[in-house]
Every structure is written in C-alpha cells, then in structure tokens.
Amino acid sequence: MKIILTHEVSGLGAAGEVVDVKDGYARNYLIPRNFAIRWTKGGEKDVEQIRRARKIHEIQTIEQANAIKAQLEGVKVRLAVRSGDAGRLFGSVTPADVASAIKASGGPEVDKRRIELGTPIKTLGAHETSVRLHPEVAAKVSIEVVAA
C-alpha cells in the first residue's frame, strides 16, 4: 500500500515522504496513530504542505542538535512511578512519561516521538534511553526511576 508519512517513523522515513508498506502495517498501525495517510492523486498536494509544516518544527542544523544534545546529557532525570514491593512497576514507562520528566527536570522540551526506548522500562533503578534529535545526532539520557 502506498502511504504519505505525516510524522517521522523510525526505520521507514521522514514526514512528507511517499513510501510503500504492507497493507496491515498501514491499516493497523500507521494510519490509526496518524503517522500516515493513504496516498491519492489529490494527496500529492498535501505532501508539500506536510514538508513545510515539519520543516518549521524540526531541528534545522547539526549545530542546533548538538547544543540540545549537550543540554539533554547534562540533565539528571528522575521519574517517580508507582511500583510493587519487589521493585516491579505497575505498567511501564512510556516515551510521554520520559518527555515530561525531562521537561520537569529543567531540560529542553522533547517530542515524545523522538524518544526511543530500547526495551520497555518495567523496574526501578537507572535506565538509559536515546533521543533522536537529527538524523545524524542522538543523545543518551540517563533516567532514574524511583518509587512514588
């Protein structure tokens, strides 16, 4: 199925690109989460509008990305969550939780879609996550998950 990406999708492409994906991936994941829209002849006009809108919001240069990376790596992020007696969390830490914790710790505002959790965080303690700021720049952020 041909789709137009409305947001950057890791491993697939950037906003405004037209890509071919399997039908189920588009129908069940990309389109319901508003990461993409179906490609149509009329939709080609939307591609340029999407590209212009994303260009305004994204980090323009590698220098900007490196400056934000330095800020992120200098921030000590503590995230208080509910947990059981054995240190297991009730649920898991989401990228939205990480983004709000970074902002609350005095760091820069980060889009939750740019945060990449390797494996779900389900235990208390120190964890590390990656924030993709630019196609060439990624920041490592240390997160201390504590009981609330």
C-alpha atoms as a PDB file:
ATOM      1  CA  MET A   1       0.000   0.000   0.000  1.00  0.00           C
ATOM      2  CA  LYS A   2       1.283   3.462  -0.848  1.00  0.00           C
ATOM      3  CA  ILE A   3       1.079   5.969   2.008  1.00  0.00           C
ATOM      4  CA  ILE A   4       2.215   9.512   2.786  1.00  0.00           C
ATOM      5  CA  LEU A   5       4.015   9.856   6.124  1.00  0.00           C
ATOM      6  CA  THR A   6       2.752  12.734   8.280  1.00  0.00           C
ATOM      7  CA  HIS A   7       5.353  12.165  11.024  1.00  0.00           C
ATOM      8  CA  GLU A   8       8.847  10.735  11.068  1.00  0.00           C
ATOM      9  CA  VAL A   9       8.748   6.977  11.590  1.00  0.00           C
ATOM     10  CA  SER A  10      11.957   5.312  12.708  1.00  0.00           C
ATOM     11  CA  GLY A  11      13.241   2.903  10.087  1.00  0.00           C
ATOM     12  CA  LEU A  12      10.669   3.985   7.493  1.00  0.00           C
ATOM     13  CA  GLY A  13      11.094   7.637   6.542  1.00  0.00           C
ATOM     14  CA  ALA A  14      10.572  11.307   7.309  1.00  0.00           C
ATOM     15  CA  ALA A  15       7.400  13.361   7.222  1.00  0.00           C
ATOM     16  CA  GLY A  16       6.168  14.100   3.722  1.00  0.00           C
ATOM     17  CA  GLU A  17       7.709  11.035   2.080  1.00  0.00           C
ATOM     18  CA  VAL A  18       5.649   8.629  -0.018  1.00  0.00           C
ATOM     19  CA  VAL A  19       6.512   5.016   0.864  1.00  0.00           C
ATOM     20  CA  ASP A  20       5.243   1.510   0.132  1.00  0.00           C
ATOM     21  CA  VAL A  21       4.411  -0.646   3.161  1.00  0.00           C
ATOM     22  CA  LYS A  22       2.451  -3.818   3.827  1.00  0.00           C
ATOM     23  CA  ASP A  23      -1.308  -3.291   3.947  1.00  0.00           C
ATOM     24  CA  GLY A  24      -1.704  -4.492   7.546  1.00  0.00           C
ATOM     25  CA  TYR A  25       1.093  -2.248   8.856  1.00  0.00           C
ATOM     26  CA  ALA A  26      -0.558   0.773   7.266  1.00  0.00           C
ATOM     27  CA  ARG A  27      -4.141  -0.115   8.236  1.00  0.00           C
ATOM     28  CA  ASN A  28      -3.485  -1.297  11.780  1.00  0.00           C
ATOM     29  CA  TYR A  29      -0.601   0.868  12.955  1.00  0.00           C
ATOM     30  CA  LEU A  30       0.393   3.886  10.849  1.00  0.00           C
ATOM     31  CA  ILE A  31      -2.986   5.293   9.827  1.00  0.00           C
ATOM     32  CA  PRO A  32      -4.820   4.878  13.195  1.00  0.00           C
ATOM     33  CA  ARG A  33      -1.951   6.610  15.030  1.00  0.00           C
ATOM     34  CA  ASN A  34      -1.911   9.454  12.475  1.00  0.00           C
ATOM     35  CA  PHE A  35       1.652   8.676  11.406  1.00  0.00           C
ATOM     36  CA  ALA A  36       0.469   8.398   7.796  1.00  0.00           C
ATOM     37  CA  ILE A  37      -2.412   8.970   5.389  1.00  0.00           C
ATOM     38  CA  ARG A  38      -3.400   6.961   2.323  1.00  0.00           C
ATOM     39  CA  TRP A  39      -1.779   8.061  -0.908  1.00  0.00           C
ATOM     40  CA  THR A  40      -4.120   9.510  -3.507  1.00  0.00           C
ATOM     41  CA  LYS A  41      -3.582  11.727  -6.527  1.00  0.00           C
ATOM     42  CA  GLY A  42      -5.120  14.596  -4.573  1.00  0.00           C
ATOM     43  CA  GLY A  43      -2.986  13.707  -1.565  1.00  0.00           C
ATOM     44  CA  GLU A  44       0.166  14.560  -3.507  1.00  0.00           C
ATOM     45  CA  LYS A  45      -0.737  18.223  -2.947  1.00  0.00           C
ATOM     46  CA  ASP A  46      -0.694  17.603   0.806  1.00  0.00           C
ATOM     47  CA  VAL A  47       2.894  16.308   0.665  1.00  0.00           C
ATOM     48  CA  GLU A  48       4.420  19.754   0.141  1.00  0.00           C
ATOM     49  CA  GLN A  49       2.260  21.253   2.900  1.00  0.00           C
ATOM     50  CA  ILE A  50       3.341  18.494   5.317  1.00  0.00           C
ATOM     51  CA  ARG A  51       7.007  19.039   4.430  1.00  0.00           C
ATOM     52  CA  ARG A  52       6.742  22.800   5.027  1.00  0.00           C
ATOM     53  CA  ALA A  53       4.997  22.329   8.390  1.00  0.00           C
ATOM     54  CA  ARG A  54       7.525  19.735   9.600  1.00  0.00           C
ATOM     55  CA  LYS A  55      10.483  21.841   8.450  1.00  0.00           C
ATOM     56  CA  ILE A  56       9.359  24.658  10.756  1.00  0.00           C
ATOM     57  CA  HIS A  57       9.206  22.359  13.810  1.00  0.00           C
ATOM     58  CA  GLU A  58      12.283  20.223  13.292  1.00  0.00           C
ATOM     59  CA  ILE A  59      15.825  20.990  14.299  1.00  0.00           C
ATOM     60  CA  GLN A  60      17.443  22.613  11.291  1.00  0.00           C
ATOM     61  CA  THR A  61      21.187  22.152  11.723  1.00  0.00           C
ATOM     62  CA  ILE A  62      23.607  19.729  13.295  1.00  0.00           C
ATOM     63  CA  GLU A  63      24.917  22.575  15.492  1.00  0.00           C
ATOM     64  CA  GLN A  64      21.444  23.086  16.993  1.00  0.00           C
ATOM     65  CA  ALA A  65      21.097  19.350  17.529  1.00  0.00           C
ATOM     66  CA  ASN A  66      24.494  19.162  19.252  1.00  0.00           C
ATOM     67  CA  ALA A  67      23.559  22.080  21.543  1.00  0.00           C
ATOM     68  CA  ILE A  68      20.329  20.341  22.569  1.00  0.00           C
ATOM     69  CA  LYS A  69      22.245  17.058  22.962  1.00  0.00           C
ATOM     70  CA  ALA A  70      24.623  18.755  25.423  1.00  0.00           C
ATOM     71  CA  GLN A  71      21.646  20.074  27.407  1.00  0.00           C
ATOM     72  CA  LEU A  72      19.954  16.677  27.493  1.00  0.00           C
ATOM     73  CA  GLU A  73      23.051  14.784  28.557  1.00  0.00           C
ATOM     74  CA  GLY A  74      23.660  17.284  31.360  1.00  0.00           C
ATOM     75  CA  VAL A  75      20.199  16.894  32.892  1.00  0.00           C
ATOM     76  CA  LYS A  76      19.613  14.426  35.735  1.00  0.00           C
ATOM     77  CA  VAL A  77      16.166  12.964  35.098  1.00  0.00           C
ATOM     78  CA  ARG A  78      14.177  11.417  37.976  1.00  0.00           C
ATOM     79  CA  LEU A  79      10.877   9.761  37.238  1.00  0.00           C
ATOM     80  CA  ALA A  80       8.571   8.809  40.125  1.00  0.00           C
ATOM     81  CA  VAL A  81       6.209   5.939  39.310  1.00  0.00           C
ATOM     82  CA  ARG A  82       4.011   3.522  41.250  1.00  0.00           C
ATOM     83  CA  SER A  83       5.617   0.183  41.931  1.00  0.00           C
ATOM     84  CA  GLY A  84       5.144  -3.016  43.890  1.00  0.00           C
ATOM     85  CA  ASP A  85       7.206  -4.343  46.782  1.00  0.00           C
ATOM     86  CA  ALA A  86       9.713  -6.208  44.568  1.00  0.00           C
ATOM     87  CA  GLY A  87      10.591  -3.107  42.511  1.00  0.00           C
ATOM     88  CA  ARG A  88       8.348  -4.004  39.570  1.00  0.00           C
ATOM     89  CA  LEU A  89       6.294  -1.175  38.102  1.00  0.00           C
ATOM     90  CA  PHE A  90       2.537  -1.191  37.664  1.00  0.00           C
ATOM     91  CA  GLY A  91       2.671  -0.911  33.864  1.00  0.00           C
ATOM     92  CA  SER A  92       5.729   0.551  32.192  1.00  0.00           C
ATOM     93  CA  VAL A  93       7.389   3.891  31.490  1.00  0.00           C
ATOM     94  CA  THR A  94       6.260   5.407  28.181  1.00  0.00           C
ATOM     95  CA  PRO A  95       8.065   7.906  25.942  1.00  0.00           C
ATOM     96  CA  ALA A  96       5.493  10.530  27.002  1.00  0.00           C
ATOM     97  CA  ASP A  97       6.466   9.952  30.659  1.00  0.00           C
ATOM     98  CA  VAL A  98      10.142  10.393  29.766  1.00  0.00           C
ATOM     99  CA  ALA A  99       9.440  13.594  27.802  1.00  0.00           C
ATOM    100  CA  SER A 100       7.513  15.160  30.697  1.00  0.00           C
ATOM    101  CA  ALA A 101      10.223  14.091  33.193  1.00  0.00           C
ATOM    102  CA  ILE A 102      12.929  15.726  31.049  1.00  0.00           C
ATOM    103  CA  LYS A 103      10.920  18.960  30.931  1.00  0.00           C
ATOM    104  CA  ALA A 104      10.252  18.819  34.702  1.00  0.00           C
ATOM    105  CA  SER A 105      13.978  18.288  35.388  1.00  0.00           C
ATOM    106  CA  GLY A 106      14.838  21.541  33.649  1.00  0.00           C
ATOM    107  CA  GLY A 107      15.778  20.072  30.280  1.00  0.00           C
ATOM    108  CA  PRO A 108      14.623  21.193  26.853  1.00  0.00           C
ATOM    109  CA  GLU A 109      11.199  20.244  25.547  1.00  0.00           C
ATOM    110  CA  VAL A 110      11.463  16.995  23.590  1.00  0.00           C
ATOM    111  CA  ASP A 111       8.863  15.474  21.279  1.00  0.00           C
ATOM    112  CA  LYS A 112       7.797  12.075  22.623  1.00  0.00           C
ATOM    113  CA  ARG A 113       8.070  10.582  19.122  1.00  0.00           C
ATOM    114  CA  ARG A 114      11.813  11.248  19.136  1.00  0.00           C
ATOM    115  CA  ILE A 115      12.402   9.188  22.304  1.00  0.00           C
ATOM    116  CA  GLU A 116      13.474   5.611  21.615  1.00  0.00           C
ATOM    117  CA  LEU A 117      13.138   3.130  24.464  1.00  0.00           C
ATOM    118  CA  GLY A 118      15.101   0.009  23.572  1.00  0.00           C
ATOM    119  CA  THR A 119      13.116  -2.277  25.843  1.00  0.00           C
ATOM    120  CA  PRO A 120      10.135  -1.330  27.986  1.00  0.00           C
ATOM    121  CA  ILE A 121      11.153   0.071  31.379  1.00  0.00           C
ATOM    122  CA  LYS A 122       9.352  -2.053  33.992  1.00  0.00           C
ATOM    123  CA  THR A 123      11.685  -1.911  37.005  1.00  0.00           C
ATOM    124  CA  LEU A 124      13.018   0.688  39.408  1.00  0.00           C
ATOM    125  CA  GLY A 125      16.600   1.902  39.050  1.00  0.00           C
ATOM    126  CA  ALA A 126      18.826   3.565  36.472  1.00  0.00           C
ATOM    127  CA  HIS A 127      17.949   3.188  32.802  1.00  0.00           C
ATOM    128  CA  GLU A 128      19.283   4.752  29.612  1.00  0.00           C
ATOM    129  CA  THR A 129      17.289   5.907  26.603  1.00  0.00           C
ATOM    130  CA  SER A 130      18.085   7.541  23.301  1.00  0.00           C
ATOM    131  CA  VAL A 131      16.602  10.763  21.918  1.00  0.00           C
ATOM    132  CA  ARG A 132      16.874  11.122  18.134  1.00  0.00           C
ATOM    133  CA  LEU A 133      17.332  14.867  17.593  1.00  0.00           C
ATOM    134  CA  HIS A 134      18.549  14.845  13.990  1.00  0.00           C
ATOM    135  CA  PRO A 135      19.206  12.022  11.522  1.00  0.00           C
ATOM    136  CA  GLU A 136      22.896  12.250  12.457  1.00  0.00           C
ATOM    137  CA  VAL A 137      22.623  13.198  16.153  1.00  0.00           C
ATOM    138  CA  ALA A 138      21.201  11.138  19.021  1.00  0.00           C
ATOM    139  CA  ALA A 139      21.503  11.968  22.724  1.00  0.00           C
ATOM    140  CA  LYS A 140      21.765   9.394  25.510  1.00  0.00           C
ATOM    141  CA  VAL A 141      19.631  10.300  28.501  1.00  0.00           C
ATOM    142  CA  SER A 142      20.000   8.615  31.892  1.00  0.00           C
ATOM    143  CA  ILE A 143      16.739   8.131  33.760  1.00  0.00           C
ATOM    144  CA  GLU A 144      16.461   7.268  37.444  1.00  0.00           C
ATOM    145  CA  VAL A 145      13.133   5.506  38.015  1.00  0.00           C
ATOM    146  CA  VAL A 146      12.076   5.788  41.675  1.00  0.00           C
ATOM    147  CA  ALA A 147       9.030   4.654  43.644  1.00  0.00           C
ATOM    148  CA  ALA A 148       6.321   7.273  44.120  1.00  0.00           C
END
